[in-house]
Amino acid sequence: MNKQKYLYLTATPDQLTALVSAECVTLTAATPNEHGIAVSETCVDVSRGAYLKSCTGLLFEATSLAELCANIRSADLHADAFRVSIVKKPRRLNVNSMELARKIGSVIGGKPDLTHPRVVFLTVVTAEKIWFGRLLSESDGMWLAHNQRPHVTSSSLPARLARVLVNLVVTPGDSLLDPCCGTGTIVLSAAHNGIRAVGYDINPRMVGATIKNLQHYGLEAEARLGDARQISEKFDAIATDLPYGISLVKDTFQEAEILANLRTLAPKAAFVDIRDLSKPLEDLGYQIETIIPVPKQTIVRRIFITANGAQ
């Protein structure tokens, strides 16, 4: 018996191929192709996705519309209040989406409802293949709202990047530490995704901003005043945008103390920095699993995914 397969669609932003692929592989165990399509035997609720957009339980794969319609008829597929949605990859593909949806819908038993469907049948069309299945989940896109949080700084992480960081190291139900939380972008994303999040910052104004941002969205998480060098609580993972202001760049000893302490607090971590942290992390006993470039205009952030050796 063939195992059930699931089709995932990802966003395909320029220059962020490595980041999108890393999130998709982490969540689905499958690598997206050049069109942002990944097929996996793993079913994941992608409501928490950043660049992962949808999960569809595949019913049929075909090389032509005629073959797909024959498969649907043969299976006697039936659904009430359904809609057929078409996704073309690439978008410029010369296919009439409305006509294709009409022809597919005509061989599905039951009544369509284009406005308030209870079932959505997603059809993904490429030049070589057609995938057809039942849409199971979609990203909630909440990172868009989190980008409008009331308290930010010029160096605050974009909320979509924060959501990726969270997805790379934890799953709902885990605990996450952001030891340099700033205005709380990572803490917000984690709390929204059902993760027990704790943020620390040495600056009381940043702690206050994180608390206000959490309150603004009605989210529960902890924001504490504290030095990252002195945190002792254990977590499932760490995710943080390391501060790279002038004072920290000058004080490499302080940075080493922060990283040395964090290594004992969780078995894995995701660090964001514009600098190459490879040698400092390795010198402190971290095992770097991957480095993901995140270019934006004239700067390139890097995400360092590490195994920390903590038990």
Protein backbone atom coordinates (compact mmCIF):
# COMPACT_ATOMS: atom_id res chain seq x y z
CA MET A 1 0.00 0.00 0.00
CA ASN A 2 1.34 3.41 -0.93
CA LYS A 3 1.89 5.76 1.97
CA GLN A 4 -0.09 8.98 2.14
CA LYS A 5 1.90 11.90 0.75
CA TYR A 6 1.59 15.58 1.50
CA LEU A 7 2.39 18.50 -0.76
CA TYR A 8 3.80 21.66 0.74
CA LEU A 9 4.04 25.05 -0.92
CA THR A 10 6.63 27.57 0.19
CA ALA A 11 7.20 31.19 -0.62
CA THR A 12 10.02 31.72 -3.10
CA PRO A 13 11.60 35.08 -2.22
CA ASP A 14 14.77 36.10 -4.03
CA GLN A 15 18.04 35.43 -2.18
CA LEU A 16 16.39 33.50 0.67
CA THR A 17 16.46 30.02 -0.86
CA ALA A 18 18.63 28.62 1.94
CA LEU A 19 16.38 30.03 4.66
CA VAL A 20 13.14 28.81 3.06
CA SER A 21 14.64 25.39 2.44
CA ALA A 22 15.88 25.12 6.04
CA GLU A 23 12.42 25.81 7.46
CA CYS A 24 10.76 23.39 5.05
CA VAL A 25 13.23 20.58 5.75
CA THR A 26 13.00 21.11 9.51
CA LEU A 27 9.19 20.97 9.54
CA THR A 28 8.45 18.49 6.75
CA ALA A 29 11.69 16.51 6.19
CA ALA A 30 11.49 17.43 2.50
CA THR A 31 13.41 19.94 0.38
CA PRO A 32 11.39 22.30 -1.85
CA ASN A 33 12.19 22.40 -5.56
CA GLU A 34 12.81 25.54 -7.61
CA HIS A 35 9.05 26.21 -7.66
CA GLY A 36 8.71 26.03 -3.88
CA ILE A 37 7.04 22.59 -3.97
CA ALA A 38 7.96 19.84 -1.52
CA VAL A 39 6.38 16.39 -1.23
CA SER A 40 6.70 14.48 2.03
CA GLU A 41 5.27 11.54 3.95
CA THR A 42 5.18 13.78 7.03
CA CYS A 43 1.99 15.70 7.83
CA VAL A 44 2.53 19.01 9.61
CA ASP A 45 0.12 21.76 10.62
CA VAL A 46 1.72 24.70 8.82
CA SER A 47 -0.32 27.39 10.56
CA ARG A 48 2.95 28.33 12.32
CA GLY A 49 4.90 28.52 9.06
CA ALA A 50 6.87 31.60 8.08
CA TYR A 51 7.79 30.71 4.50
CA LEU A 52 5.91 27.41 4.53
CA LYS A 53 2.50 28.39 3.15
CA SER A 54 0.24 25.33 2.91
CA CYS A 55 -0.10 21.58 3.44
CA THR A 56 -2.24 19.47 1.12
CA GLY A 57 -3.06 15.79 1.53
CA LEU A 58 -2.39 14.43 -1.95
CA LEU A 59 -5.11 12.40 -3.63
CA PHE A 60 -3.82 12.18 -7.20
CA GLU A 61 -0.78 12.98 -9.31
CA ALA A 62 -1.25 13.19 -13.05
CA THR A 63 0.54 14.31 -16.18
CA SER A 64 -2.57 15.75 -17.85
CA LEU A 65 -5.99 17.16 -17.06
CA ALA A 66 -7.65 14.18 -18.74
CA GLU A 67 -5.74 11.74 -16.54
CA LEU A 68 -6.59 13.72 -13.40
CA CYS A 69 -10.30 13.86 -14.23
CA ALA A 70 -10.32 10.13 -14.95
CA ASN A 71 -8.75 9.46 -11.54
CA ILE A 72 -11.33 11.64 -9.80
CA ARG A 73 -14.20 9.87 -11.57
CA SER A 74 -12.75 6.46 -10.81
CA ALA A 75 -12.50 7.32 -7.12
CA ASP A 76 -16.07 8.68 -7.10
CA LEU A 77 -14.80 11.72 -5.21
CA HIS A 78 -17.59 13.57 -3.43
CA ALA A 79 -17.70 16.64 -1.19
CA ASP A 80 -20.37 19.15 -0.28
CA ALA A 81 -19.57 22.86 -0.22
CA PHE A 82 -16.24 22.47 -2.00
CA ARG A 83 -14.00 24.77 -3.98
CA VAL A 84 -11.22 23.94 -6.42
CA SER A 85 -8.26 26.30 -6.12
CA ILE A 86 -5.52 26.43 -8.73
CA VAL A 87 -1.86 27.27 -8.10
CA LYS A 88 0.38 27.65 -11.14
CA LYS A 89 4.12 27.10 -10.82
CA PRO A 90 5.52 29.30 -12.16
CA ARG A 91 2.75 31.89 -12.18
CA ARG A 92 3.43 32.77 -15.81
CA LEU A 93 2.47 29.24 -16.86
CA ASN A 94 0.04 29.45 -19.78
CA VAL A 95 -2.96 27.88 -18.04
CA ASN A 96 -6.46 29.33 -17.65
CA SER A 97 -6.99 28.85 -13.91
CA MET A 98 -10.75 29.50 -13.95
CA GLU A 99 -11.36 27.09 -16.80
CA LEU A 100 -9.18 24.43 -15.18
CA ALA A 101 -11.02 24.78 -11.86
CA ARG A 102 -14.37 24.52 -13.64
CA LYS A 103 -13.41 21.33 -15.48
CA ILE A 104 -12.04 19.66 -12.35
CA GLY A 105 -15.03 20.76 -10.27
CA SER A 106 -17.44 19.27 -12.82
CA VAL A 107 -16.20 15.73 -12.11
CA ILE A 108 -16.39 16.03 -8.30
CA GLY A 109 -19.64 14.88 -6.77
CA GLY A 110 -21.47 17.31 -4.51
CA LYS A 111 -22.24 21.01 -4.65
CA PRO A 112 -19.51 23.63 -4.95
CA ASP A 113 -19.39 26.69 -2.69
CA LEU A 114 -16.85 29.22 -3.89
CA THR A 115 -17.50 31.73 -1.12
CA HIS A 116 -17.61 29.66 2.08
CA PRO A 117 -16.23 26.23 1.20
CA ARG A 118 -15.98 23.51 3.83
CA VAL A 119 -13.49 21.63 1.66
CA VAL A 120 -10.82 23.13 -0.57
CA PHE A 121 -9.28 20.94 -3.25
CA LEU A 122 -5.91 22.41 -4.16
CA THR A 123 -4.57 21.76 -7.64
CA VAL A 124 -0.91 22.58 -8.25
CA VAL A 125 0.03 22.77 -11.91
CA THR A 126 3.52 22.76 -13.42
CA ALA A 127 4.62 22.26 -17.02
CA GLU A 128 5.20 18.56 -16.31
CA LYS A 129 2.70 17.54 -13.67
CA ILE A 130 -0.58 18.17 -11.84
CA TRP A 131 -0.96 17.49 -8.12
CA PHE A 132 -4.45 17.35 -6.63
CA GLY A 133 -5.52 17.01 -3.01
CA ARG A 134 -7.39 18.30 0.00
CA LEU A 135 -6.02 21.45 1.59
CA LEU A 136 -5.30 20.66 5.26
CA SER A 137 -3.67 23.77 6.70
CA GLU A 138 -2.23 27.16 5.79
CA SER A 139 0.15 29.58 7.47
CA ASP A 140 -1.78 32.02 9.64
CA GLY A 141 0.50 34.85 8.46
CA MET A 142 0.54 36.34 11.95
CA TRP A 143 4.08 37.56 11.41
CA LEU A 144 2.53 40.34 9.31
CA ALA A 145 0.62 41.61 12.35
CA HIS A 146 3.68 41.19 14.59
CA ASN A 147 5.60 43.50 12.24
CA GLN A 148 3.16 46.20 13.36
CA ARG A 149 3.92 45.73 17.07
CA PRO A 150 3.82 49.01 18.97
CA HIS A 151 7.36 48.87 20.38
CA VAL A 152 10.33 48.33 18.06
CA THR A 153 13.91 49.52 17.62
CA SER A 154 15.93 50.08 14.48
CA SER A 155 17.74 46.78 15.06
CA SER A 156 14.66 44.67 15.84
CA LEU A 157 14.38 41.44 13.87
CA PRO A 158 11.68 41.24 11.21
CA ALA A 159 8.84 39.12 12.61
CA ARG A 160 8.98 36.65 9.73
CA LEU A 161 12.65 35.94 10.41
CA ALA A 162 11.87 35.53 14.11
CA ARG A 163 9.22 32.95 13.27
CA VAL A 164 11.72 31.00 11.16
CA LEU A 165 14.20 30.99 14.04
CA VAL A 166 11.58 29.56 16.35
CA ASN A 167 10.57 26.90 13.83
CA LEU A 168 14.17 25.81 13.31
CA VAL A 169 14.74 24.79 16.93
CA VAL A 170 11.44 24.11 18.73
CA THR A 171 7.97 22.69 18.25
CA PRO A 172 4.73 23.59 20.08
CA GLY A 173 4.95 22.49 23.71
CA ASP A 174 8.71 23.07 23.99
CA SER A 175 10.41 25.77 26.03
CA LEU A 176 12.51 28.51 24.45
CA LEU A 177 14.92 31.10 25.84
CA ASP A 178 15.77 34.40 24.19
CA PRO A 179 18.56 35.72 26.45
CA CYS A 180 18.86 39.06 24.60
CA CYS A 181 15.22 39.63 23.78
CA GLY A 182 15.18 43.35 22.96
CA THR A 183 11.58 44.30 22.18
CA GLY A 184 10.55 40.64 22.13
CA THR A 185 10.08 39.70 18.47
CA ILE A 186 11.24 36.11 19.01
CA VAL A 187 9.30 35.80 22.25
CA LEU A 188 6.13 36.97 20.47
CA SER A 189 6.53 34.41 17.70
CA ALA A 190 7.24 31.60 20.13
CA ALA A 191 4.32 32.43 22.41
CA HIS A 192 1.95 32.65 19.44
CA ASN A 193 3.10 29.20 18.29
CA GLY A 194 2.33 27.49 21.59
CA ILE A 195 5.85 27.50 23.01
CA ARG A 196 6.73 28.41 26.59
CA ALA A 197 8.90 31.42 25.91
CA VAL A 198 11.11 33.35 28.33
CA GLY A 199 12.98 36.49 27.32
CA TYR A 200 15.76 38.21 29.23
CA ASP A 201 17.36 41.57 28.63
CA ILE A 202 19.85 43.61 30.61
CA ASN A 203 18.05 46.83 29.64
CA PRO A 204 14.86 47.49 31.66
CA ARG A 205 13.39 49.54 28.80
CA MET A 206 13.64 46.52 26.50
CA VAL A 207 11.99 44.28 29.07
CA GLY A 208 9.17 46.79 29.40
CA ALA A 209 8.78 46.98 25.62
CA THR A 210 8.56 43.17 25.37
CA ILE A 211 5.90 43.05 28.09
CA LYS A 212 3.85 45.74 26.32
CA ASN A 213 4.15 43.99 22.97
CA LEU A 214 2.97 40.72 24.51
CA GLN A 215 0.04 42.49 26.14
CA HIS A 216 -0.84 44.17 22.84
CA TYR A 217 -1.41 40.75 21.23
CA GLY A 218 -2.82 39.04 24.31
CA LEU A 219 0.06 36.58 24.45
CA GLU A 220 1.48 34.87 27.52
CA ALA A 221 5.24 34.69 27.98
CA GLU A 222 7.79 35.90 30.49
CA ALA A 223 10.08 38.89 30.07
CA ARG A 224 12.71 39.25 32.78
CA LEU A 225 15.39 41.77 33.62
CA GLY A 226 18.68 39.90 33.72
CA ASP A 227 22.20 39.42 32.42
CA ALA A 228 22.59 36.66 29.80
CA ARG A 229 25.83 35.65 31.55
CA GLN A 230 23.94 34.74 34.71
CA ILE A 231 20.88 32.83 33.48
CA SER A 232 20.77 29.32 34.93
CA GLU A 233 17.35 27.89 33.99
CA LYS A 234 17.28 25.01 31.48
CA PHE A 235 15.33 25.13 28.20
CA ASP A 236 14.65 22.95 25.18
CA ALA A 237 16.32 25.50 22.91
CA ILE A 238 17.69 29.02 22.60
CA ALA A 239 16.94 31.49 19.81
CA THR A 240 18.36 34.98 19.87
CA ASP A 241 19.56 37.90 17.82
CA LEU A 242 22.87 38.59 19.50
CA PRO A 243 23.43 42.29 20.25
CA TYR A 244 26.09 43.74 18.01
CA GLY A 245 26.20 47.34 19.20
CA ILE A 246 29.47 49.20 19.60
CA SER A 247 29.88 48.30 23.27
CA LEU A 248 29.56 44.56 22.64
CA VAL A 249 31.80 44.57 19.60
CA LYS A 250 34.49 46.18 21.70
CA ASP A 251 33.98 43.80 24.60
CA THR A 252 34.67 40.39 23.10
CA PHE A 253 35.27 38.97 26.58
CA GLN A 254 31.69 39.83 27.56
CA GLU A 255 30.42 38.15 24.39
CA ALA A 256 32.43 35.01 25.16
CA GLU A 257 30.97 34.93 28.68
CA ILE A 258 27.43 35.16 27.29
CA LEU A 259 27.97 32.37 24.77
CA ALA A 260 29.78 30.18 27.30
CA ASN A 261 26.87 30.41 29.73
CA LEU A 262 24.22 29.79 27.08
CA ARG A 263 25.90 26.57 25.96
CA THR A 264 24.96 24.94 29.27
CA LEU A 265 21.29 25.98 29.15
CA ALA A 266 19.86 24.08 26.17
CA PRO A 267 20.85 21.28 23.78
CA LYS A 268 20.36 23.40 20.65
CA ALA A 269 20.31 27.01 19.61
CA ALA A 270 19.83 29.44 16.75
CA PHE A 271 22.02 32.54 16.88
CA VAL A 272 21.60 35.48 14.49
CA ASP A 273 24.48 37.84 13.82
CA ILE A 274 26.00 39.90 11.05
CA ARG A 275 29.44 38.65 12.08
CA ASP A 276 30.99 35.25 11.44
CA LEU A 277 30.63 33.51 14.81
CA SER A 278 32.08 30.20 13.62
CA LYS A 279 35.37 30.36 15.50
CA PRO A 280 33.99 31.88 18.76
CA LEU A 281 31.25 29.23 18.88
CA GLU A 282 33.57 26.33 18.09
CA ASP A 283 36.16 27.57 20.61
CA LEU A 284 33.45 27.45 23.28
CA GLY A 285 32.46 23.87 22.46
CA TYR A 286 29.44 24.44 20.24
CA GLN A 287 28.88 22.08 17.33
CA ILE A 288 27.73 24.13 14.36
CA GLU A 289 25.19 22.11 12.38
CA THR A 290 24.50 24.66 9.67
CA ILE A 291 25.00 28.32 8.78
CA ILE A 292 22.15 29.96 6.88
CA PRO A 293 22.78 33.28 5.11
CA VAL A 294 19.98 35.84 5.25
CA PRO A 295 20.89 38.68 2.88
CA LYS A 296 19.04 41.97 2.96
CA GLN A 297 20.13 44.96 0.89
CA THR A 298 23.73 45.73 1.92
CA ILE A 299 24.01 43.41 4.91
CA VAL A 300 23.99 39.67 5.35
CA ARG A 301 22.73 38.22 8.58
CA ARG A 302 23.74 34.66 9.38
CA ILE A 303 21.82 32.08 11.38
CA PHE A 304 24.06 29.65 13.23
CA ILE A 305 22.22 26.45 14.18
CA THR A 306 24.19 24.68 16.88
CA ALA A 307 24.24 21.67 19.12
CA ASN A 308 25.34 22.95 22.48
CA GLY A 309 26.24 19.85 24.42
CA ALA A 310 23.86 20.73 27.27
CA GLN A 311 21.94 17.88 28.86
